[in-house]
Protein backbone atom coordinates (compact mmCIF):
# COMPACT_ATOMS: atom_id res chain seq x y z
CA MET A 1 -135.90 -24.27 16.78
CA THR A 2 -137.92 -27.46 16.64
CA GLU A 3 -135.99 -30.70 16.25
CA ARG A 4 -137.08 -34.29 15.85
CA THR A 5 -135.37 -37.65 15.92
CA THR A 6 -136.64 -40.73 14.13
CA ALA A 7 -135.40 -44.29 14.39
CA SER A 8 -135.78 -47.04 11.81
CA GLU A 9 -134.03 -50.25 10.90
CA ILE A 10 -132.08 -51.08 7.77
CA THR A 11 -130.84 -54.52 6.77
CA PHE A 12 -127.65 -55.41 4.96
CA SER A 13 -127.51 -58.86 3.37
CA HIS A 14 -123.73 -58.77 3.00
CA PRO A 15 -120.85 -57.44 5.10
CA PHE A 16 -120.25 -53.78 4.28
CA ILE A 17 -117.69 -51.05 4.84
CA LEU A 18 -118.10 -47.38 5.62
CA GLY A 19 -115.37 -44.78 5.12
CA SER A 20 -115.09 -44.00 8.83
CA LEU A 21 -114.35 -47.63 9.74
CA VAL A 22 -111.24 -49.75 9.31
CA VAL A 23 -113.01 -53.11 9.30
CA PRO A 24 -116.23 -54.19 7.58
CA LEU A 25 -119.44 -54.52 9.57
CA ASP A 26 -121.30 -57.83 9.51
CA ALA A 27 -124.48 -58.37 7.55
CA GLY A 28 -127.55 -57.80 9.69
CA THR A 29 -130.19 -55.32 10.75
CA TYR A 30 -128.97 -52.00 12.10
CA ARG A 31 -130.81 -49.18 13.85
CA LEU A 32 -130.67 -45.92 11.89
CA ILE A 33 -131.23 -42.69 13.82
CA VAL A 34 -131.93 -39.48 11.91
CA ASP A 35 -131.95 -35.99 13.47
CA GLU A 36 -133.80 -33.20 11.69
CA GLU A 37 -134.64 -29.56 12.35
CA LEU A 38 -137.73 -27.65 11.29
CA ILE A 39 -137.18 -25.11 8.50
CA GLU A 40 -139.09 -22.20 9.99
CA GLU A 41 -139.10 -19.82 6.99
CA LEU A 42 -141.65 -21.87 5.04
CA SER A 43 -145.46 -21.69 5.10
CA PHE A 44 -145.66 -25.48 5.50
CA PRO A 45 -143.77 -27.85 7.83
CA ALA A 46 -140.55 -29.16 6.30
CA TYR A 47 -137.46 -30.59 7.95
CA ARG A 48 -133.74 -30.48 7.15
CA ARG A 49 -131.56 -33.45 8.09
CA THR A 50 -128.87 -32.48 10.57
CA GLY A 51 -127.42 -35.89 11.41
CA THR A 52 -127.51 -39.55 10.45
CA HIS A 53 -126.27 -42.18 12.90
CA LEU A 54 -125.91 -45.94 12.64
CA GLU A 55 -126.06 -47.91 15.88
CA ILE A 56 -123.40 -50.61 15.97
CA PRO A 57 -123.25 -53.53 16.36
CA ALA A 58 -126.36 -54.93 14.62
CA VAL A 59 -129.66 -55.13 16.52
CA GLY A 60 -129.54 -58.85 17.35
CA VAL A 61 -125.96 -58.89 18.64
CA GLU A 62 -125.68 -59.36 22.40
CA ILE A 63 -123.04 -56.96 23.67
CA GLY A 64 -122.83 -54.58 26.59
CA THR A 65 -121.72 -51.52 24.66
CA ARG A 66 -123.42 -49.91 21.68
CA GLN A 67 -122.05 -47.00 19.70
CA LEU A 68 -123.60 -44.40 17.44
CA LEU A 69 -121.53 -43.91 14.34
CA GLN A 70 -122.18 -40.64 12.50
CA VAL A 71 -122.42 -41.44 8.80
CA PRO A 72 -122.91 -39.08 5.86
CA ARG A 73 -126.25 -39.84 4.23
CA GLN A 74 -124.68 -40.28 0.78
CA GLU A 75 -122.15 -42.78 2.10
CA LEU A 76 -124.88 -44.85 3.76
CA GLU A 77 -127.03 -44.77 0.62
CA ALA A 78 -124.04 -45.89 -1.46
CA ALA A 79 -123.38 -48.81 0.93
CA MET A 80 -127.04 -49.85 0.70
CA GLN A 81 -126.90 -49.65 -3.11
CA ARG A 82 -123.75 -51.82 -3.22
CA ASP A 83 -125.45 -54.34 -0.93
CA ALA A 84 -128.48 -54.51 -3.25
CA GLU A 85 -126.24 -54.89 -6.31
CA ASP A 86 -124.28 -57.70 -4.63
CA GLY A 87 -127.59 -59.52 -4.10
CA GLU A 88 -128.54 -59.10 -7.77
CA GLU A 89 -125.14 -60.42 -8.87
CA SER A 90 -125.56 -63.48 -6.62
CA LEU A 91 -128.98 -64.20 -8.11
CA ALA A 92 -127.66 -63.80 -11.66
CA SER A 93 -124.80 -66.23 -11.02
CA GLN A 94 -127.26 -68.87 -9.74
CA VAL A 95 -129.38 -68.80 -12.90
């Protein structure tokens, strides 16, 4: 079975909370690591996500220990959506 891992960065403008944490994480840029496996039954290459991990703390934070927090994709997408909505609300209140 062929697997691949990709890394990208996502930025939160506001502190945010995930269900697996007790305290909110600070606003900042976080490394997102996605594991996928090749679906071999198809006639074209396609991948299925097998894991989504968020590296904490944020990228710019100087600390000796980093952790990978496994996060359900839907939970992460919901946190990103809330962050975007918080930004829109802030802009609307300034107008």
